[in-house]
Each structure stands twice: as C-alpha cells, then as structure tokens.
N, C-alpha and C. Protein backbone atom coordinates (compact mmCIF):
# COMPACT_ATOMS: atom_id res chain seq x y z
N MET A 1 26.81 295.83 -8.12
CA MET A 1 28.08 295.77 -7.09
C MET A 1 28.66 294.44 -7.34
N SER A 2 29.92 294.30 -7.70
CA SER A 2 30.64 292.91 -7.75
C SER A 2 31.47 292.75 -6.42
N ARG A 3 31.59 291.60 -6.22
CA ARG A 3 32.40 291.15 -5.04
C ARG A 3 32.75 289.69 -5.12
N ALA A 4 33.51 289.27 -4.54
CA ALA A 4 33.71 287.81 -4.44
C ALA A 4 33.85 287.29 -2.80
N ARG A 5 33.33 286.08 -2.75
CA ARG A 5 33.36 285.47 -1.30
C ARG A 5 34.53 284.82 -1.24
N HIS A 6 35.07 284.94 -0.36
CA HIS A 6 36.57 284.09 -0.07
C HIS A 6 36.40 283.64 1.28
N GLY A 7 36.80 282.42 1.49
CA GLY A 7 37.20 281.87 2.92
C GLY A 7 38.45 282.11 3.55
N ALA A 8 38.81 281.38 4.42
CA ALA A 8 39.86 281.38 4.91
C ALA A 8 40.99 280.99 4.20
N ALA A 9 42.29 281.35 4.18
CA ALA A 9 43.26 280.91 3.32
C ALA A 9 43.23 279.30 3.53
N GLY A 10 43.42 278.71 2.13
CA GLY A 10 43.51 277.10 2.16
C GLY A 10 41.99 276.49 2.27
N GLU A 11 41.01 277.09 2.49
CA GLU A 11 39.56 276.75 2.71
C GLU A 11 39.22 276.14 1.44
N SER A 12 38.62 274.75 1.39
CA SER A 12 38.13 274.25 0.23
C SER A 12 36.69 274.08 0.03
N ASP A 13 35.87 274.73 0.94
CA ASP A 13 34.37 274.44 0.75
C ASP A 13 33.96 275.23 -0.49
N PRO A 14 33.23 274.48 -1.28
CA PRO A 14 32.59 274.96 -2.47
C PRO A 14 32.21 276.38 -2.54
N GLU A 15 31.45 276.55 -1.42
CA GLU A 15 30.98 278.17 -1.41
C GLU A 15 31.73 278.92 -1.61
N THR A 16 33.01 278.79 -1.13
CA THR A 16 33.95 279.96 -0.94
C THR A 16 34.49 280.20 -2.35
N ARG A 17 34.29 279.27 -3.34
CA ARG A 17 34.91 279.58 -4.65
C ARG A 17 33.44 280.07 -5.30
N TYR A 18 32.45 280.35 -4.90
CA TYR A 18 31.28 280.71 -5.81
C TYR A 18 31.56 282.32 -5.72
N MET A 19 31.64 282.84 -6.88
CA MET A 19 31.92 284.22 -6.96
C MET A 19 30.73 284.94 -7.15
N GLN A 20 30.41 285.88 -6.22
CA GLN A 20 29.04 286.78 -6.42
C GLN A 20 29.47 287.93 -7.41
N LEU A 21 28.33 287.99 -8.23
CA LEU A 21 28.52 288.90 -9.32
C LEU A 21 27.77 290.34 -8.98
N THR A 22 26.38 290.13 -8.47
CA THR A 22 25.59 291.29 -8.44
C THR A 22 24.87 291.03 -7.16
N GLU A 23 24.24 292.21 -6.67
CA GLU A 23 23.42 292.21 -5.70
C GLU A 23 21.97 292.06 -6.34
N HIS A 24 21.02 291.31 -5.70
CA HIS A 24 19.73 291.26 -6.38
C HIS A 24 18.82 292.63 -6.63
N HIS A 25 18.45 293.04 -7.67
CA HIS A 25 17.54 294.05 -7.66
C HIS A 25 16.26 293.75 -8.22
N ALA A 26 15.14 294.38 -7.80
CA ALA A 26 13.75 293.87 -8.21
C ALA A 26 13.45 294.25 -9.41
N GLY A 27 12.32 294.19 -10.17
CA GLY A 27 12.15 294.50 -11.69
C GLY A 27 11.91 293.46 -12.36
N GLY A 28 12.08 292.18 -12.23
CA GLY A 28 11.66 291.18 -13.07
C GLY A 28 12.65 290.92 -14.24
N ARG A 29 13.73 291.37 -14.19
CA ARG A 29 14.69 291.03 -15.29
C ARG A 29 15.73 290.03 -14.79
N PHE A 30 16.08 289.27 -15.83
CA PHE A 30 17.16 288.09 -15.34
C PHE A 30 18.63 288.81 -15.17
N GLU A 31 19.00 288.48 -13.84
CA GLU A 31 20.37 288.85 -13.52
C GLU A 31 21.00 287.59 -13.30
N ILE A 32 22.59 287.50 -13.73
CA ILE A 32 23.31 286.58 -13.25
C ILE A 32 23.73 287.07 -11.66
N ARG A 33 23.55 286.18 -10.94
CA ARG A 33 23.70 286.41 -9.56
C ARG A 33 25.25 286.05 -9.00
N ALA A 34 25.61 284.65 -9.52
CA ALA A 34 26.85 284.18 -9.31
C ALA A 34 27.33 283.39 -10.37
N VAL A 35 28.59 283.05 -10.49
CA VAL A 35 29.05 282.11 -11.29
C VAL A 35 30.04 281.13 -10.73
N GLU A 36 30.28 279.82 -11.05
CA GLU A 36 31.68 279.08 -10.81
C GLU A 36 31.73 278.13 -11.82
N SER A 37 32.66 277.22 -11.75
CA SER A 37 32.85 276.33 -12.72
C SER A 37 31.73 275.44 -12.86
N GLY A 38 30.99 275.23 -13.90
CA GLY A 38 29.92 274.33 -14.17
C GLY A 38 28.65 274.60 -13.56
N ARG A 39 28.51 275.89 -13.23
CA ARG A 39 27.12 276.44 -12.59
C ARG A 39 26.98 278.01 -12.49
N ILE A 40 25.95 278.54 -12.97
CA ILE A 40 25.74 279.82 -12.94
C ILE A 40 24.39 279.85 -12.14
N ARG A 41 24.19 281.06 -11.16
CA ARG A 41 22.97 281.13 -10.65
C ARG A 41 22.33 282.43 -11.14
N ILE A 42 21.14 282.37 -11.69
CA ILE A 42 20.22 283.31 -11.99
C ILE A 42 19.03 283.57 -11.20
N GLN A 43 18.97 284.79 -10.85
CA GLN A 43 18.24 285.01 -9.54
C GLN A 43 18.37 283.95 -8.45
N ASP A 44 17.49 283.29 -8.16
CA ASP A 44 17.81 282.32 -7.05
C ASP A 44 17.89 280.80 -7.44
N GLN A 45 18.04 280.61 -8.86
CA GLN A 45 18.21 279.30 -9.37
C GLN A 45 19.52 278.96 -9.95
N ASP A 46 19.92 277.73 -9.66
CA ASP A 46 21.25 277.35 -10.34
C ASP A 46 20.96 276.61 -11.36
N TYR A 47 21.93 276.87 -12.49
CA TYR A 47 21.76 276.08 -13.70
C TYR A 47 23.14 275.53 -14.04
N THR A 48 23.14 274.27 -14.41
CA THR A 48 24.43 273.35 -14.62
C THR A 48 24.59 273.10 -16.09
N ALA A 49 23.77 273.40 -16.98
CA ALA A 49 23.68 273.10 -18.46
C ALA A 49 23.66 274.38 -19.11
N SER A 50 24.35 274.30 -20.47
CA SER A 50 24.43 275.47 -21.09
C SER A 50 23.07 276.32 -21.39
N LEU A 51 22.93 277.45 -21.51
CA LEU A 51 21.65 278.23 -21.64
C LEU A 51 21.80 279.46 -22.43
N ILE A 52 20.72 280.07 -22.90
CA ILE A 52 20.62 281.19 -23.56
C ILE A 52 19.79 282.24 -22.47
N LEU A 53 20.28 283.58 -22.36
CA LEU A 53 19.86 284.49 -21.61
C LEU A 53 19.86 286.02 -22.23
N SER A 54 18.77 286.49 -21.97
CA SER A 54 18.52 287.91 -22.31
C SER A 54 17.98 288.66 -21.04
N PRO A 55 17.72 289.59 -20.65
CA PRO A 55 17.30 290.33 -19.67
C PRO A 55 15.56 289.90 -19.47
N GLU A 56 15.22 289.55 -20.62
CA GLU A 56 13.58 289.35 -20.32
C GLU A 56 13.29 287.90 -20.58
N GLU A 57 14.30 286.86 -20.92
CA GLU A 57 14.00 285.59 -21.36
C GLU A 57 15.32 284.68 -20.96
N LEU A 58 14.95 283.46 -20.51
CA LEU A 58 15.98 282.59 -20.13
C LEU A 58 15.73 281.25 -20.90
N VAL A 59 16.47 280.44 -21.55
CA VAL A 59 16.19 279.47 -22.36
C VAL A 59 17.24 278.29 -21.84
N PRO A 60 16.57 277.40 -20.80
CA PRO A 60 17.80 276.58 -20.26
C PRO A 60 17.91 275.21 -21.14
N ASP A 61 19.16 274.62 -20.72
CA ASP A 61 19.16 273.29 -21.70
C ASP A 61 19.57 273.85 -23.07
N TRP A 62 20.20 274.83 -23.33
CA TRP A 62 20.89 274.83 -24.87
C TRP A 62 21.71 274.07 -25.06
N PRO A 63 21.51 273.19 -26.48
CA PRO A 63 22.31 272.03 -26.41
C PRO A 63 23.82 272.14 -26.51
N PRO A 64 24.51 273.25 -27.19
CA PRO A 64 25.92 272.85 -27.12
C PRO A 64 26.66 273.03 -25.87
N ARG A 65 27.73 272.26 -25.70
CA ARG A 65 28.61 272.08 -24.34
C ARG A 65 29.91 272.71 -24.71
N ARG A 66 30.26 272.76 -26.09
CA ARG A 66 31.69 273.37 -26.35
C ARG A 66 31.40 273.90 -27.71
N ILE A 67 32.28 274.72 -28.10
CA ILE A 67 32.31 275.53 -29.15
C ILE A 67 32.03 274.54 -30.51
N GLU A 68 32.82 273.56 -30.47
CA GLU A 68 32.82 272.56 -31.45
C GLU A 68 31.41 271.99 -31.94
N ASP A 69 30.42 272.14 -30.64
CA ASP A 69 29.15 271.43 -30.81
C ASP A 69 28.04 272.63 -31.60
N VAL A 70 28.65 273.83 -31.60
CA VAL A 70 27.62 274.89 -32.01
C VAL A 70 27.38 274.80 -33.41
N THR A 71 25.92 274.79 -33.73
CA THR A 71 25.62 274.76 -35.15
C THR A 71 24.86 276.04 -35.65
N ASP A 72 24.48 276.12 -36.94
CA ASP A 72 23.86 277.23 -37.11
C ASP A 72 22.36 277.42 -36.56
N ALA A 73 21.74 276.30 -36.54
CA ALA A 73 20.36 276.31 -35.68
C ALA A 73 20.71 276.77 -34.18
N HIS A 74 21.78 276.54 -33.47
CA HIS A 74 22.10 277.05 -32.10
C HIS A 74 22.26 278.55 -32.25
N LEU A 75 23.03 278.87 -33.24
CA LEU A 75 23.25 280.59 -33.39
C LEU A 75 21.99 281.11 -33.83
N GLN A 76 20.99 280.69 -34.55
CA GLN A 76 19.88 281.06 -34.79
C GLN A 76 19.02 281.38 -33.74
N ALA A 77 18.88 280.54 -32.72
CA ALA A 77 18.30 280.78 -31.49
C ALA A 77 18.45 282.01 -30.72
N LEU A 78 19.92 282.31 -30.77
CA LEU A 78 20.30 283.69 -30.39
C LEU A 78 19.77 284.60 -31.19
N LEU A 79 19.93 284.65 -32.53
CA LEU A 79 19.46 285.64 -33.27
C LEU A 79 18.01 286.03 -33.34
N ASP A 80 17.33 284.89 -33.00
CA ASP A 80 15.73 285.08 -32.97
C ASP A 80 15.35 285.91 -31.73
N MET A 81 16.09 286.24 -30.98
CA MET A 81 15.89 287.11 -29.72
C MET A 81 16.01 288.60 -30.01
N ASP A 82 16.47 288.86 -31.16
CA ASP A 82 16.52 290.34 -31.42
C ASP A 82 17.60 291.21 -30.88
N PRO A 83 18.88 290.60 -30.71
CA PRO A 83 19.76 291.37 -29.84
C PRO A 83 20.39 292.54 -30.54
N GLU A 84 21.16 293.32 -30.04
CA GLU A 84 21.91 294.23 -30.75
C GLU A 84 23.60 293.75 -30.46
N VAL A 85 23.65 292.97 -29.36
CA VAL A 85 24.92 292.30 -29.28
C VAL A 85 24.66 290.88 -28.74
N VAL A 86 25.53 290.00 -29.01
CA VAL A 86 25.52 288.61 -28.54
C VAL A 86 26.74 288.16 -27.77
N LEU A 87 26.73 287.87 -26.81
CA LEU A 87 27.88 287.18 -25.87
C LEU A 87 27.85 285.72 -26.07
N LEU A 88 29.14 285.24 -26.48
CA LEU A 88 29.06 283.77 -26.56
C LEU A 88 30.13 283.43 -25.60
N GLY A 89 29.88 282.77 -24.57
CA GLY A 89 30.57 282.23 -23.39
C GLY A 89 31.00 280.73 -23.61
N THR A 90 32.38 280.51 -23.95
CA THR A 90 32.76 279.25 -24.40
C THR A 90 33.32 278.32 -23.37
N GLY A 91 32.87 278.55 -22.10
CA GLY A 91 33.43 277.47 -21.01
C GLY A 91 34.44 278.18 -20.19
N GLU A 92 35.37 277.38 -19.83
CA GLU A 92 36.54 277.71 -18.83
C GLU A 92 37.53 278.60 -19.58
N ALA A 93 37.61 278.25 -20.98
CA ALA A 93 38.52 279.19 -21.86
C ALA A 93 38.08 279.63 -23.00
N THR A 94 38.42 280.92 -23.59
CA THR A 94 37.90 281.39 -24.77
C THR A 94 38.34 280.58 -25.75
N ARG A 95 37.37 280.18 -26.78
CA ARG A 95 37.61 279.28 -27.87
C ARG A 95 36.96 280.14 -28.85
N PHE A 96 37.41 280.44 -29.94
CA PHE A 96 36.83 280.99 -31.04
C PHE A 96 36.09 280.07 -32.00
N PRO A 97 34.95 280.55 -32.58
CA PRO A 97 34.26 279.87 -33.74
C PRO A 97 34.70 280.28 -35.06
N PRO A 98 34.44 279.44 -36.10
CA PRO A 98 34.92 279.70 -37.31
C PRO A 98 34.67 281.08 -37.83
N ALA A 99 35.45 281.72 -38.66
CA ALA A 99 34.95 283.07 -39.12
C ALA A 99 33.67 283.38 -39.62
N ARG A 100 33.11 282.13 -40.43
CA ARG A 100 31.90 282.19 -40.83
C ARG A 100 30.87 282.71 -39.96
N VAL A 101 31.07 282.45 -38.72
CA VAL A 101 30.06 282.87 -37.41
C VAL A 101 30.01 284.23 -37.34
N PHE A 102 31.14 284.86 -37.28
CA PHE A 102 31.25 286.14 -37.21
C PHE A 102 30.87 286.89 -38.30
N ALA A 103 30.90 286.36 -39.57
CA ALA A 103 30.21 286.99 -40.79
C ALA A 103 28.75 286.90 -40.67
N MET A 104 28.20 285.81 -40.17
CA MET A 104 26.84 285.55 -39.92
C MET A 104 26.14 286.68 -39.20
N PHE A 105 26.90 287.05 -38.00
CA PHE A 105 26.41 288.16 -37.32
C PHE A 105 26.64 289.46 -37.83
N GLN A 106 27.67 289.56 -38.35
CA GLN A 106 28.09 291.02 -38.87
C GLN A 106 27.09 291.22 -40.11
N SER A 107 26.76 290.32 -40.86
CA SER A 107 25.89 290.74 -42.19
C SER A 107 24.43 291.02 -41.52
N ARG A 108 24.17 290.76 -40.28
CA ARG A 108 22.86 291.21 -39.59
C ARG A 108 23.00 292.31 -38.86
N GLY A 109 24.08 293.07 -38.63
CA GLY A 109 24.42 294.25 -37.86
C GLY A 109 24.45 294.01 -36.58
N ILE A 110 24.80 292.61 -35.90
CA ILE A 110 24.70 292.28 -34.67
C ILE A 110 26.22 292.28 -34.16
N GLY A 111 26.47 292.92 -32.84
CA GLY A 111 27.79 292.45 -32.51
C GLY A 111 27.88 291.00 -32.00
N LEU A 112 29.01 290.62 -32.21
CA LEU A 112 29.26 289.23 -31.39
C LEU A 112 30.74 289.25 -30.77
N GLU A 113 30.53 288.89 -29.46
CA GLU A 113 31.71 288.91 -28.47
C GLU A 113 31.94 287.58 -27.97
N VAL A 114 33.09 287.20 -28.13
CA VAL A 114 33.46 285.75 -27.72
C VAL A 114 34.36 285.81 -26.72
N MET A 115 33.96 285.04 -25.39
CA MET A 115 34.95 285.11 -24.27
C MET A 115 34.75 283.88 -23.34
N ASP A 116 35.46 283.57 -22.41
CA ASP A 116 35.29 282.55 -21.52
C ASP A 116 33.81 282.87 -20.78
N THR A 117 33.24 281.89 -20.23
CA THR A 117 31.78 282.00 -19.65
C THR A 117 31.81 282.95 -18.35
N ARG A 118 32.67 282.85 -17.60
CA ARG A 118 32.92 283.80 -16.49
C ARG A 118 32.68 285.49 -16.98
N SER A 119 33.55 285.45 -17.97
CA SER A 119 33.68 286.94 -18.48
C SER A 119 32.31 287.43 -19.31
N ALA A 120 31.87 286.35 -19.85
CA ALA A 120 30.52 286.63 -20.58
C ALA A 120 29.34 287.10 -19.66
N CYS A 121 29.79 286.29 -18.29
CA CYS A 121 28.37 286.48 -17.38
C CYS A 121 28.67 288.00 -16.85
N ARG A 122 29.79 288.37 -16.49
CA ARG A 122 30.08 289.77 -16.00
C ARG A 122 29.74 290.72 -17.02
N THR A 123 30.08 290.67 -18.33
CA THR A 123 29.88 291.41 -19.34
C THR A 123 28.21 291.39 -19.69
N TYR A 124 27.60 290.33 -19.52
CA TYR A 124 26.02 290.34 -19.56
C TYR A 124 25.36 291.36 -18.53
N ASN A 125 26.04 291.10 -17.36
CA ASN A 125 25.24 291.87 -16.32
C ASN A 125 25.43 293.41 -16.45
N VAL A 126 26.65 293.88 -17.02
CA VAL A 126 26.87 295.44 -17.24
C VAL A 126 26.03 295.94 -18.29
N LEU A 127 26.02 294.97 -19.39
CA LEU A 127 25.11 295.45 -20.66
C LEU A 127 23.64 295.56 -20.21
N ALA A 128 23.14 294.65 -19.56
CA ALA A 128 21.79 294.54 -19.03
C ALA A 128 21.30 295.51 -18.35
N SER A 129 22.39 295.91 -17.42
CA SER A 129 22.00 296.92 -16.63
C SER A 129 22.02 298.38 -17.17
N GLU A 130 22.73 298.55 -18.34
CA GLU A 130 22.74 299.60 -19.30
C GLU A 130 21.36 299.58 -20.22
N LEU A 131 20.60 298.44 -20.21
CA LEU A 131 19.20 298.29 -20.86
C LEU A 131 19.84 298.21 -22.35
N ARG A 132 20.67 297.28 -22.64
CA ARG A 132 21.12 297.17 -23.99
C ARG A 132 20.29 295.80 -24.28
N ARG A 133 20.05 295.52 -25.56
CA ARG A 133 19.54 294.47 -26.07
C ARG A 133 20.54 293.25 -26.20
N VAL A 134 21.04 292.62 -25.13
CA VAL A 134 22.02 291.69 -24.94
C VAL A 134 21.50 290.08 -24.84
N VAL A 135 21.93 289.35 -25.46
CA VAL A 135 21.73 288.08 -25.37
C VAL A 135 23.17 287.28 -25.19
N ALA A 136 23.17 286.17 -24.29
CA ALA A 136 24.28 285.65 -24.14
C ALA A 136 23.92 284.09 -24.20
N GLY A 137 24.81 283.44 -24.97
CA GLY A 137 24.87 281.89 -25.14
C GLY A 137 25.93 281.63 -24.19
N LEU A 138 25.54 280.88 -23.06
CA LEU A 138 26.64 280.49 -22.10
C LEU A 138 26.80 278.88 -22.01
N MET A 139 27.86 278.42 -22.42
CA MET A 139 28.24 277.05 -22.33
C MET A 139 28.87 276.76 -21.04
N LEU A 140 28.43 275.40 -20.48
CA LEU A 140 29.03 275.18 -19.37
C LEU A 140 29.53 273.81 -19.52
C-alpha cells in the first residue's frame, strides 16, 4: 500500500517529507519502506549511500554516486545477481548512461530501465512483489 505522510501546511519537519512506500510484510525479502532525498529505508534500516538491492540481497556502499561514475565493473555487479530486469536509479533526476550500457544489457537479454531514484524505488517494490528477478542499482 503506497501512501505519503504529510504534516500541516508549511511544516518543515524532515519526517513529514519522508515518503512511506510500503507496509512491512513478513517473509524475509528486502522491501523499500520509504525514500527521501539522500536516504532510503529498507526494512527498518536507513541507507545514505548508493546501494544494490534485490529481493534476496542488499549490497550497501555501491561506489557510484552519479551516472558519470558508473563503470563496467559497477554494472557487472548488477549483472552478477542474475536479474531479468535492472532498475538504475540515477539520483534526483533521470540521467541516462551511454548507449553502450543499454547494448551491454540487451546483448544478455536483460531489461534495463533508467529513472530517478524515487521512481526506481517504487518500481522495485512493484516488481519484487510480483516475484520478478529484479535488481536495483540506486544512486543517492
């Protein structure tokens, strides 16, 4: 269930800007619970650095902080998780990698979707709930 928490009009408490994405469901799979600028909550833990996430695995401190920092080795870490689709969250705004990156995924029959990190978080939860083999590389 998606919902956003909002405070009173004009309220600037950081917690009121924290967008709740899902209710917690038992089952041991990683879910994104909330996201805001510079922070993602997975289960009950906040992360403030870029990360890789699949329903079964979380890799904190993924090195790239922006799309220009992404190397083939960073992309290989996503591919090594055997996804059917990869979501690349590029921070506050959607920034596309070079065409060769799309070709790298296409040649392996793996879908690559590039979007801002908030959208990637929402999409990750939907695909994970459908039991898809999704991997998200999320830059903060």
